Amino acid sequence: MQGVRWFVRDPTLHCRRRSSTGLMENVFLDLRLDIFWEHPDNRGWAMLFTMWAKSSKFRGAWDKVHHTFGIPFEYFCGARLGLPVDDHARRV
């Protein structure tokens, strides 16, 4: 089946990609960063997420796994971190 990319060549690498972005999504949901991004108590998370988003390795990982996360988190990453997002009209 040409064009099917559902398999993972390196499961360890896929797990690392998924775990770092999974941590980000959990923090996003728990701290409601879409609303409280600029709160002083969230400064450390904001700095860490911004630093990760500027990394070429993280951006490459994001390209491979971002479609597995919730749409609000994906929009947040697009708006706050400048990461690419899907056209969600096609995902629904």
N, C-alpha and C. Protein backbone atom coordinates (compact mmCIF):
# COMPACT_ATOMS: atom_id res chain seq x y z
N MET A 1 0.84 -1.18 0.00
CA MET A 1 0.00 0.00 0.00
C MET A 1 0.88 1.23 0.00
N GLN A 2 1.02 1.81 -1.12
CA GLN A 2 1.87 2.97 -1.26
C GLN A 2 1.19 4.19 -0.63
N GLY A 3 1.97 4.98 0.07
CA GLY A 3 1.44 6.20 0.66
C GLY A 3 0.92 6.03 2.08
N VAL A 4 0.78 4.81 2.57
CA VAL A 4 0.31 4.60 3.94
C VAL A 4 1.49 4.74 4.88
N ARG A 5 1.36 5.64 5.87
CA ARG A 5 2.46 5.89 6.79
C ARG A 5 2.03 5.66 8.23
N TRP A 6 1.25 4.66 8.51
CA TRP A 6 0.77 4.43 9.87
C TRP A 6 1.78 3.66 10.70
N PHE A 7 2.76 3.03 10.08
CA PHE A 7 3.74 2.25 10.83
C PHE A 7 4.82 3.16 11.37
N VAL A 8 5.52 2.68 12.39
CA VAL A 8 6.59 3.43 13.03
C VAL A 8 7.88 2.65 12.85
N ARG A 9 8.88 3.28 12.21
CA ARG A 9 10.16 2.59 11.97
C ARG A 9 10.98 2.48 13.24
N ASP A 10 10.94 3.49 14.08
CA ASP A 10 11.72 3.49 15.31
C ASP A 10 10.78 3.76 16.48
N PRO A 11 10.26 2.71 17.13
CA PRO A 11 9.29 2.91 18.21
C PRO A 11 9.83 3.73 19.37
N THR A 12 11.12 3.61 19.68
CA THR A 12 11.70 4.38 20.78
C THR A 12 11.66 5.87 20.48
N LEU A 13 12.05 6.23 19.28
CA LEU A 13 12.02 7.63 18.88
C LEU A 13 10.58 8.16 18.89
N HIS A 14 9.65 7.38 18.40
CA HIS A 14 8.25 7.80 18.38
C HIS A 14 7.75 8.03 19.81
N CYS A 15 8.13 7.16 20.74
CA CYS A 15 7.70 7.32 22.14
C CYS A 15 8.28 8.59 22.76
N ARG A 16 9.54 8.90 22.44
CA ARG A 16 10.13 10.13 22.96
C ARG A 16 9.43 11.36 22.39
N ARG A 17 9.14 11.33 21.09
CA ARG A 17 8.42 12.45 20.48
C ARG A 17 7.07 12.63 21.15
N ARG A 18 6.38 11.53 21.32
CA ARG A 18 5.02 11.58 21.86
C ARG A 18 5.03 11.97 23.33
N SER A 19 6.04 11.56 24.08
CA SER A 19 6.04 11.86 25.51
C SER A 19 6.33 13.34 25.79
N SER A 20 7.22 13.96 25.03
CA SER A 20 7.49 15.39 25.28
C SER A 20 6.29 16.24 24.90
N THR A 21 5.67 15.95 23.78
CA THR A 21 4.48 16.73 23.40
C THR A 21 3.29 16.34 24.27
N GLY A 22 3.26 15.10 24.75
CA GLY A 22 2.20 14.69 25.68
C GLY A 22 2.31 15.45 27.00
N LEU A 23 3.54 15.64 27.48
CA LEU A 23 3.76 16.45 28.68
C LEU A 23 3.23 17.86 28.45
N MET A 24 3.56 18.42 27.29
CA MET A 24 3.09 19.78 26.98
C MET A 24 1.57 19.85 27.00
N GLU A 25 0.91 18.86 26.40
CA GLU A 25 -0.55 18.90 26.38
C GLU A 25 -1.13 18.76 27.78
N ASN A 26 -0.54 17.90 28.61
CA ASN A 26 -1.03 17.75 29.99
C ASN A 26 -0.88 19.05 30.77
N VAL A 27 0.26 19.71 30.63
CA VAL A 27 0.47 20.99 31.31
C VAL A 27 -0.52 22.03 30.77
N PHE A 28 -0.69 22.07 29.45
CA PHE A 28 -1.64 22.98 28.83
C PHE A 28 -3.04 22.80 29.43
N LEU A 29 -3.48 21.56 29.56
CA LEU A 29 -4.82 21.29 30.09
C LEU A 29 -4.92 21.58 31.58
N ASP A 30 -3.91 21.13 32.36
CA ASP A 30 -3.96 21.30 33.81
C ASP A 30 -3.89 22.76 34.24
N LEU A 31 -3.04 23.53 33.56
CA LEU A 31 -2.84 24.93 33.95
C LEU A 31 -3.69 25.90 33.14
N ARG A 32 -4.46 25.37 32.20
CA ARG A 32 -5.32 26.18 31.32
C ARG A 32 -4.50 27.31 30.69
N LEU A 33 -3.42 26.88 30.03
CA LEU A 33 -2.49 27.85 29.47
C LEU A 33 -3.10 28.68 28.34
N ASP A 34 -4.19 28.22 27.75
CA ASP A 34 -4.85 29.05 26.74
C ASP A 34 -5.39 30.32 27.36
N ILE A 35 -5.69 30.28 28.66
CA ILE A 35 -6.22 31.45 29.37
C ILE A 35 -5.13 32.11 30.22
N PHE A 36 -4.29 31.30 30.87
CA PHE A 36 -3.34 31.80 31.86
C PHE A 36 -1.89 31.76 31.40
N TRP A 37 -1.66 31.83 30.09
CA TRP A 37 -0.30 31.78 29.54
C TRP A 37 0.61 32.84 30.16
N GLU A 38 0.11 34.04 30.36
CA GLU A 38 0.94 35.14 30.84
C GLU A 38 0.95 35.29 32.36
N HIS A 39 0.33 34.37 33.07
CA HIS A 39 0.34 34.42 34.54
C HIS A 39 1.77 34.19 35.02
N PRO A 40 2.23 34.96 36.00
CA PRO A 40 3.61 34.83 36.47
C PRO A 40 3.98 33.43 36.95
N ASP A 41 3.04 32.69 37.52
CA ASP A 41 3.33 31.34 37.99
C ASP A 41 3.62 30.37 36.85
N ASN A 42 3.23 30.72 35.63
CA ASN A 42 3.44 29.85 34.48
C ASN A 42 4.65 30.25 33.63
N ARG A 43 5.42 31.20 34.12
CA ARG A 43 6.55 31.72 33.36
C ARG A 43 7.54 30.63 32.98
N GLY A 44 7.85 29.74 33.90
CA GLY A 44 8.81 28.67 33.61
C GLY A 44 8.32 27.76 32.49
N TRP A 45 7.03 27.39 32.54
CA TRP A 45 6.47 26.55 31.47
C TRP A 45 6.47 27.30 30.15
N ALA A 46 6.12 28.57 30.19
CA ALA A 46 6.09 29.36 28.95
C ALA A 46 7.49 29.43 28.33
N MET A 47 8.50 29.64 29.17
CA MET A 47 9.87 29.71 28.66
C MET A 47 10.32 28.36 28.10
N LEU A 48 9.99 27.27 28.80
CA LEU A 48 10.38 25.94 28.34
C LEU A 48 9.69 25.59 27.02
N PHE A 49 8.38 25.83 26.93
CA PHE A 49 7.65 25.53 25.70
C PHE A 49 8.18 26.36 24.53
N THR A 50 8.47 27.62 24.78
CA THR A 50 9.00 28.49 23.73
C THR A 50 10.37 28.01 23.26
N MET A 51 11.19 27.61 24.22
CA MET A 51 12.52 27.10 23.86
C MET A 51 12.40 25.81 23.03
N TRP A 52 11.52 24.90 23.46
CA TRP A 52 11.33 23.66 22.70
C TRP A 52 10.81 23.96 21.30
N ALA A 53 9.87 24.88 21.19
CA ALA A 53 9.26 25.18 19.89
C ALA A 53 10.25 25.77 18.89
N LYS A 54 11.33 26.36 19.39
CA LYS A 54 12.36 26.92 18.51
C LYS A 54 13.37 25.87 18.06
N SER A 55 13.35 24.72 18.69
CA SER A 55 14.30 23.65 18.37
C SER A 55 13.90 22.95 17.07
N SER A 56 14.85 22.76 16.18
CA SER A 56 14.55 22.08 14.92
C SER A 56 14.17 20.62 15.16
N LYS A 57 14.78 19.98 16.16
CA LYS A 57 14.41 18.59 16.46
C LYS A 57 12.98 18.50 16.98
N PHE A 58 12.61 19.43 17.84
CA PHE A 58 11.23 19.41 18.35
C PHE A 58 10.24 19.68 17.22
N ARG A 59 10.55 20.66 16.37
CA ARG A 59 9.65 20.98 15.26
C ARG A 59 9.49 19.78 14.31
N GLY A 60 10.57 19.04 14.10
CA GLY A 60 10.47 17.84 13.29
C GLY A 60 9.59 16.79 13.94
N ALA A 61 9.74 16.64 15.25
CA ALA A 61 8.89 15.70 15.98
C ALA A 61 7.43 16.15 15.94
N TRP A 62 7.20 17.45 16.13
CA TRP A 62 5.85 18.01 16.10
C TRP A 62 5.17 17.69 14.76
N ASP A 63 5.89 17.84 13.69
CA ASP A 63 5.34 17.55 12.36
C ASP A 63 4.85 16.11 12.25
N LYS A 64 5.48 15.22 12.98
CA LYS A 64 5.13 13.81 12.89
C LYS A 64 4.01 13.39 13.84
N VAL A 65 3.83 14.10 14.96
CA VAL A 65 2.85 13.63 15.96
C VAL A 65 1.74 14.62 16.31
N HIS A 66 1.78 15.85 15.80
CA HIS A 66 0.81 16.84 16.26
C HIS A 66 -0.64 16.47 15.94
N HIS A 67 -0.83 15.66 14.94
CA HIS A 67 -2.20 15.25 14.56
C HIS A 67 -2.83 14.31 15.58
N THR A 68 -2.06 13.82 16.56
CA THR A 68 -2.60 12.91 17.56
C THR A 68 -3.11 13.64 18.80
N PHE A 69 -3.01 14.96 18.82
CA PHE A 69 -3.43 15.74 19.99
C PHE A 69 -4.76 16.43 19.74
N GLY A 70 -5.35 16.92 20.81
CA GLY A 70 -6.62 17.62 20.71
C GLY A 70 -6.48 18.92 19.94
N ILE A 71 -7.55 19.30 19.29
CA ILE A 71 -7.56 20.50 18.46
C ILE A 71 -7.27 21.76 19.28
N PRO A 72 -7.85 21.94 20.48
CA PRO A 72 -7.51 23.15 21.25
C PRO A 72 -6.02 23.27 21.56
N PHE A 73 -5.38 22.16 21.88
CA PHE A 73 -3.93 22.19 22.15
C PHE A 73 -3.16 22.52 20.88
N GLU A 74 -3.59 21.95 19.78
CA GLU A 74 -2.90 22.23 18.51
C GLU A 74 -3.04 23.71 18.14
N TYR A 75 -4.23 24.28 18.31
CA TYR A 75 -4.42 25.71 18.05
C TYR A 75 -3.55 26.56 18.96
N PHE A 76 -3.48 26.18 20.23
CA PHE A 76 -2.65 26.89 21.19
C PHE A 76 -1.19 26.91 20.73
N CYS A 77 -0.69 25.74 20.31
CA CYS A 77 0.70 25.65 19.86
C CYS A 77 0.94 26.47 18.60
N GLY A 78 -0.07 26.55 17.76
CA GLY A 78 0.05 27.38 16.57
C GLY A 78 0.07 28.85 16.93
N ALA A 79 -0.83 29.26 17.80
CA ALA A 79 -0.95 30.68 18.15
C ALA A 79 0.19 31.17 19.04
N ARG A 80 0.53 30.41 20.07
CA ARG A 80 1.52 30.87 21.04
C ARG A 80 2.96 30.51 20.68
N LEU A 81 3.12 29.38 19.99
CA LEU A 81 4.48 28.87 19.75
C LEU A 81 4.88 28.89 18.29
N GLY A 82 3.95 29.25 17.41
CA GLY A 82 4.27 29.32 16.00
C GLY A 82 4.46 27.98 15.32
N LEU A 83 3.91 26.93 15.91
CA LEU A 83 4.03 25.59 15.32
C LEU A 83 2.94 25.40 14.27
N PRO A 84 3.23 24.62 13.22
CA PRO A 84 2.22 24.40 12.18
C PRO A 84 1.06 23.56 12.71
N VAL A 85 -0.13 23.84 12.20
CA VAL A 85 -1.33 23.09 12.60
C VAL A 85 -2.04 22.56 11.38
N ASP A 86 -2.89 21.57 11.59
CA ASP A 86 -3.67 20.98 10.51
C ASP A 86 -4.83 21.87 10.10
N ASP A 87 -5.34 21.61 8.93
CA ASP A 87 -6.61 22.19 8.49
C ASP A 87 -7.68 21.28 9.08
N HIS A 88 -8.31 21.71 10.18
CA HIS A 88 -9.20 20.83 10.92
C HIS A 88 -10.52 20.55 10.23
N ALA A 89 -10.84 21.30 9.24
CA ALA A 89 -12.06 21.01 8.50
C ALA A 89 -11.94 19.64 7.84
N ARG A 90 -10.73 19.23 7.51
CA ARG A 90 -10.51 17.92 6.90
C ARG A 90 -10.42 16.82 7.93
N ARG A 91 -10.08 17.14 9.18
CA ARG A 91 -9.91 16.12 10.21
C ARG A 91 -11.22 15.64 10.78
N VAL A 92 -12.23 16.46 10.75
CA VAL A 92 -13.49 16.13 11.43
C VAL A 92 -14.26 15.10 10.67
